[in-house]
Structure formats: structure tokens, C-alpha cells
Amino acid sequence: MADGEWAFFEHFILAARAPNGRKPTNHRIVLDGIFWIARTGSPWRDLPEEFGKWPSVYRQFRRWTLSGLWEDILEGLNHCGAVPDALQMVDSTVIRAHH
């Protein structure tokens, strides 16, 4: 992840962090690991070690999901104009068609 990209995401991640007194992990590496999973479609167990232990990365992904971080990031991308309005994403595990 480039420094400019990280600068955009860092604001959202630090805002979603729960102040529990623990030293934060390297969120940039964790975010890279989450993006690697999303890009490849691999199972969590196949996450390379360079991103950390897969259960830890998954646990942080789950925490961020429950806190609404991903919705905040998408809303931020929409407001900053970095993504074209015509960009759409389709996610489906089942596509049905007639013979």
C-alpha cells in the first residue's frame, strides 16, 4: 500500500479504534492482509505470514466490520471524489442462467 493510500485509510482506522489500553498492532499490515484476501478470494488460512497470523488479521477484520468501518470508508471515498460515479461492484457466489 502506498503512503498516500495509507494516509487516507489511517484516519478511519484510528477513529474506529477502541481505547482499551492495549498497544495497537501495525494496522497498515493488517489492512494489506485484508485487501490481499479480498483481491485473491483465498481462504483466511492461506494468508501469507508477511501479513501476520491469519486469526489475528481475521479478528481485526471482524472488529472493523462490526464497528462499521467499511461503510465509513466507502462513504469517505464517495465524498472525496476519488472514485468515479460509474464504478460499480457486483458480488455474487451464485449466478443462474437458463440453458
C-alpha atoms as a PDB file:
ATOM      1  CA  MET A   1       0.000   0.000   0.000  1.00  0.00           C
ATOM      2  CA  ALA A   2       1.359   3.369  -0.993  1.00  0.00           C
ATOM      3  CA  ASP A   3       1.854   6.114   1.589  1.00  0.00           C
ATOM      4  CA  GLY A   4      -0.914   8.238   0.068  1.00  0.00           C
ATOM      5  CA  GLU A   5      -3.379   5.361   0.263  1.00  0.00           C
ATOM      6  CA  TRP A   6      -2.413   4.644   3.851  1.00  0.00           C
ATOM      7  CA  ALA A   7      -2.858   8.325   4.761  1.00  0.00           C
ATOM      8  CA  PHE A   8      -6.474   8.080   3.565  1.00  0.00           C
ATOM      9  CA  PHE A   9      -7.262   4.845   5.472  1.00  0.00           C
ATOM     10  CA  GLU A  10      -5.361   5.727   8.644  1.00  0.00           C
ATOM     11  CA  HIS A  11      -7.864   8.418   9.626  1.00  0.00           C
ATOM     12  CA  PHE A  12     -10.763   5.941   9.528  1.00  0.00           C
ATOM     13  CA  ILE A  13      -8.882   3.177  11.321  1.00  0.00           C
ATOM     14  CA  LEU A  14      -7.739   5.390  14.182  1.00  0.00           C
ATOM     15  CA  ALA A  15     -11.301   6.719  14.585  1.00  0.00           C
ATOM     16  CA  ALA A  16     -12.673   3.155  14.843  1.00  0.00           C
ATOM     17  CA  ARG A  17     -10.093   2.007  17.409  1.00  0.00           C
ATOM     18  CA  ALA A  18     -11.486   1.131  20.801  1.00  0.00           C
ATOM     19  CA  PRO A  19      -9.396   2.673  23.595  1.00  0.00           C
ATOM     20  CA  ASN A  20      -8.686  -0.424  25.689  1.00  0.00           C
ATOM     21  CA  GLY A  21      -5.140   0.377  26.751  1.00  0.00           C
ATOM     22  CA  ARG A  22      -3.511  -2.243  24.540  1.00  0.00           C
ATOM     23  CA  LYS A  23      -0.690  -1.315  22.211  1.00  0.00           C
ATOM     24  CA  PRO A  24      -2.128  -1.186  18.666  1.00  0.00           C
ATOM     25  CA  THR A  25      -0.854  -3.612  16.078  1.00  0.00           C
ATOM     26  CA  ASN A  26       0.534  -2.416  12.781  1.00  0.00           C
ATOM     27  CA  HIS A  27      -2.811  -1.633  11.181  1.00  0.00           C
ATOM     28  CA  ARG A  28      -1.218  -0.952   7.818  1.00  0.00           C
ATOM     29  CA  ILE A  29      -0.009  -4.560   7.520  1.00  0.00           C
ATOM     30  CA  VAL A  30      -3.358  -5.884   8.761  1.00  0.00           C
ATOM     31  CA  LEU A  31      -5.199  -3.765   6.178  1.00  0.00           C
ATOM     32  CA  ASP A  32      -2.838  -5.034   3.466  1.00  0.00           C
ATOM     33  CA  GLY A  33      -3.661  -8.585   4.554  1.00  0.00           C
ATOM     34  CA  ILE A  34      -7.401  -7.926   4.389  1.00  0.00           C
ATOM     35  CA  PHE A  35      -7.005  -6.429   0.918  1.00  0.00           C
ATOM     36  CA  TRP A  36      -4.930  -9.469  -0.129  1.00  0.00           C
ATOM     37  CA  ILE A  37      -7.772 -11.782   0.940  1.00  0.00           C
ATOM     38  CA  ALA A  38     -10.332  -9.639  -0.900  1.00  0.00           C
ATOM     39  CA  ARG A  39      -8.180  -9.477  -4.039  1.00  0.00           C
ATOM     40  CA  THR A  40      -7.344 -13.192  -4.246  1.00  0.00           C
ATOM     41  CA  GLY A  41     -10.519 -14.732  -2.829  1.00  0.00           C
ATOM     42  CA  SER A  42      -8.366 -17.127  -0.818  1.00  0.00           C
ATOM     43  CA  PRO A  43      -9.477 -18.601   2.499  1.00  0.00           C
ATOM     44  CA  TRP A  44      -8.170 -16.879   5.623  1.00  0.00           C
ATOM     45  CA  ARG A  45      -5.901 -19.836   6.409  1.00  0.00           C
ATOM     46  CA  ASP A  46      -3.943 -19.169   3.201  1.00  0.00           C
ATOM     47  CA  LEU A  47      -2.958 -15.646   4.246  1.00  0.00           C
ATOM     48  CA  PRO A  48       0.849 -15.305   3.872  1.00  0.00           C
ATOM     49  CA  GLU A  49       2.815 -14.894   7.100  1.00  0.00           C
ATOM     50  CA  GLU A  50       4.078 -11.472   5.995  1.00  0.00           C
ATOM     51  CA  PHE A  51       0.656 -10.080   6.972  1.00  0.00           C
ATOM     52  CA  GLY A  52       0.696 -11.674  10.418  1.00  0.00           C
ATOM     53  CA  LYS A  53      -1.173 -14.626  11.857  1.00  0.00           C
ATOM     54  CA  TRP A  54      -4.397 -15.220   9.973  1.00  0.00           C
ATOM     55  CA  PRO A  55      -6.607 -15.500  13.106  1.00  0.00           C
ATOM     56  CA  SER A  56      -5.372 -12.092  14.287  1.00  0.00           C
ATOM     57  CA  VAL A  57      -5.983 -10.470  10.908  1.00  0.00           C
ATOM     58  CA  TYR A  58      -9.435 -12.046  10.691  1.00  0.00           C
ATOM     59  CA  ARG A  59     -10.285 -10.948  14.248  1.00  0.00           C
ATOM     60  CA  GLN A  60      -9.353  -7.347  13.406  1.00  0.00           C
ATOM     61  CA  PHE A  61     -11.337  -7.545  10.153  1.00  0.00           C
ATOM     62  CA  ARG A  62     -14.358  -8.738  12.139  1.00  0.00           C
ATOM     63  CA  ARG A  63     -13.981  -5.939  14.705  1.00  0.00           C
ATOM     64  CA  TRP A  64     -13.788  -3.338  11.968  1.00  0.00           C
ATOM     65  CA  THR A  65     -16.830  -4.863  10.262  1.00  0.00           C
ATOM     66  CA  LEU A  66     -18.891  -4.707  13.459  1.00  0.00           C
ATOM     67  CA  SER A  67     -17.800  -1.117  14.093  1.00  0.00           C
ATOM     68  CA  GLY A  68     -18.988  -0.026  10.629  1.00  0.00           C
ATOM     69  CA  LEU A  69     -15.518   0.922   9.404  1.00  0.00           C
ATOM     70  CA  TRP A  70     -16.044  -0.346   5.850  1.00  0.00           C
ATOM     71  CA  GLU A  71     -19.217   1.699   5.405  1.00  0.00           C
ATOM     72  CA  ASP A  72     -17.391   4.784   6.685  1.00  0.00           C
ATOM     73  CA  ILE A  73     -14.539   4.195   4.225  1.00  0.00           C
ATOM     74  CA  LEU A  74     -16.931   3.779   1.284  1.00  0.00           C
ATOM     75  CA  GLU A  75     -18.785   6.924   2.297  1.00  0.00           C
ATOM     76  CA  GLY A  76     -15.473   8.784   2.556  1.00  0.00           C
ATOM     77  CA  LEU A  77     -14.457   7.586  -0.904  1.00  0.00           C
ATOM     78  CA  ASN A  78     -17.782   8.784  -2.308  1.00  0.00           C
ATOM     79  CA  HIS A  79     -17.427  12.241  -0.736  1.00  0.00           C
ATOM     80  CA  CYS A  80     -13.794  12.837  -1.731  1.00  0.00           C
ATOM     81  CA  GLY A  81     -14.444  12.095  -5.404  1.00  0.00           C
ATOM     82  CA  ALA A  82     -11.524   9.670  -5.716  1.00  0.00           C
ATOM     83  CA  VAL A  83     -13.782   7.014  -7.227  1.00  0.00           C
ATOM     84  CA  PRO A  84     -15.777   7.663 -10.404  1.00  0.00           C
ATOM     85  CA  ASP A  85     -19.566   7.635 -10.020  1.00  0.00           C
ATOM     86  CA  ALA A  86     -19.852   4.996 -12.724  1.00  0.00           C
ATOM     87  CA  LEU A  87     -17.785   2.485 -10.755  1.00  0.00           C
ATOM     88  CA  GLN A  88     -19.957  -0.366  -9.545  1.00  0.00           C
ATOM     89  CA  MET A  89     -19.179  -3.668  -7.903  1.00  0.00           C
ATOM     90  CA  VAL A  90     -21.084  -6.915  -8.211  1.00  0.00           C
ATOM     91  CA  ASP A  91     -20.533  -9.662  -5.687  1.00  0.00           C
ATOM     92  CA  SER A  92     -22.344 -12.937  -6.084  1.00  0.00           C
ATOM     93  CA  THR A  93     -21.437 -16.507  -5.339  1.00  0.00           C
ATOM     94  CA  VAL A  94     -24.318 -17.870  -7.427  1.00  0.00           C
ATOM     95  CA  ILE A  95     -25.159 -16.805 -10.944  1.00  0.00           C
ATOM     96  CA  ARG A  96     -28.109 -18.589 -12.505  1.00  0.00           C
ATOM     97  CA  ALA A  97     -28.824 -18.778 -16.198  1.00  0.00           C
ATOM     98  CA  HIS A  98     -31.227 -20.673 -18.387  1.00  0.00           C
ATOM     99  CA  HIS A  99     -29.921 -23.354 -20.697  1.00  0.00           C
END
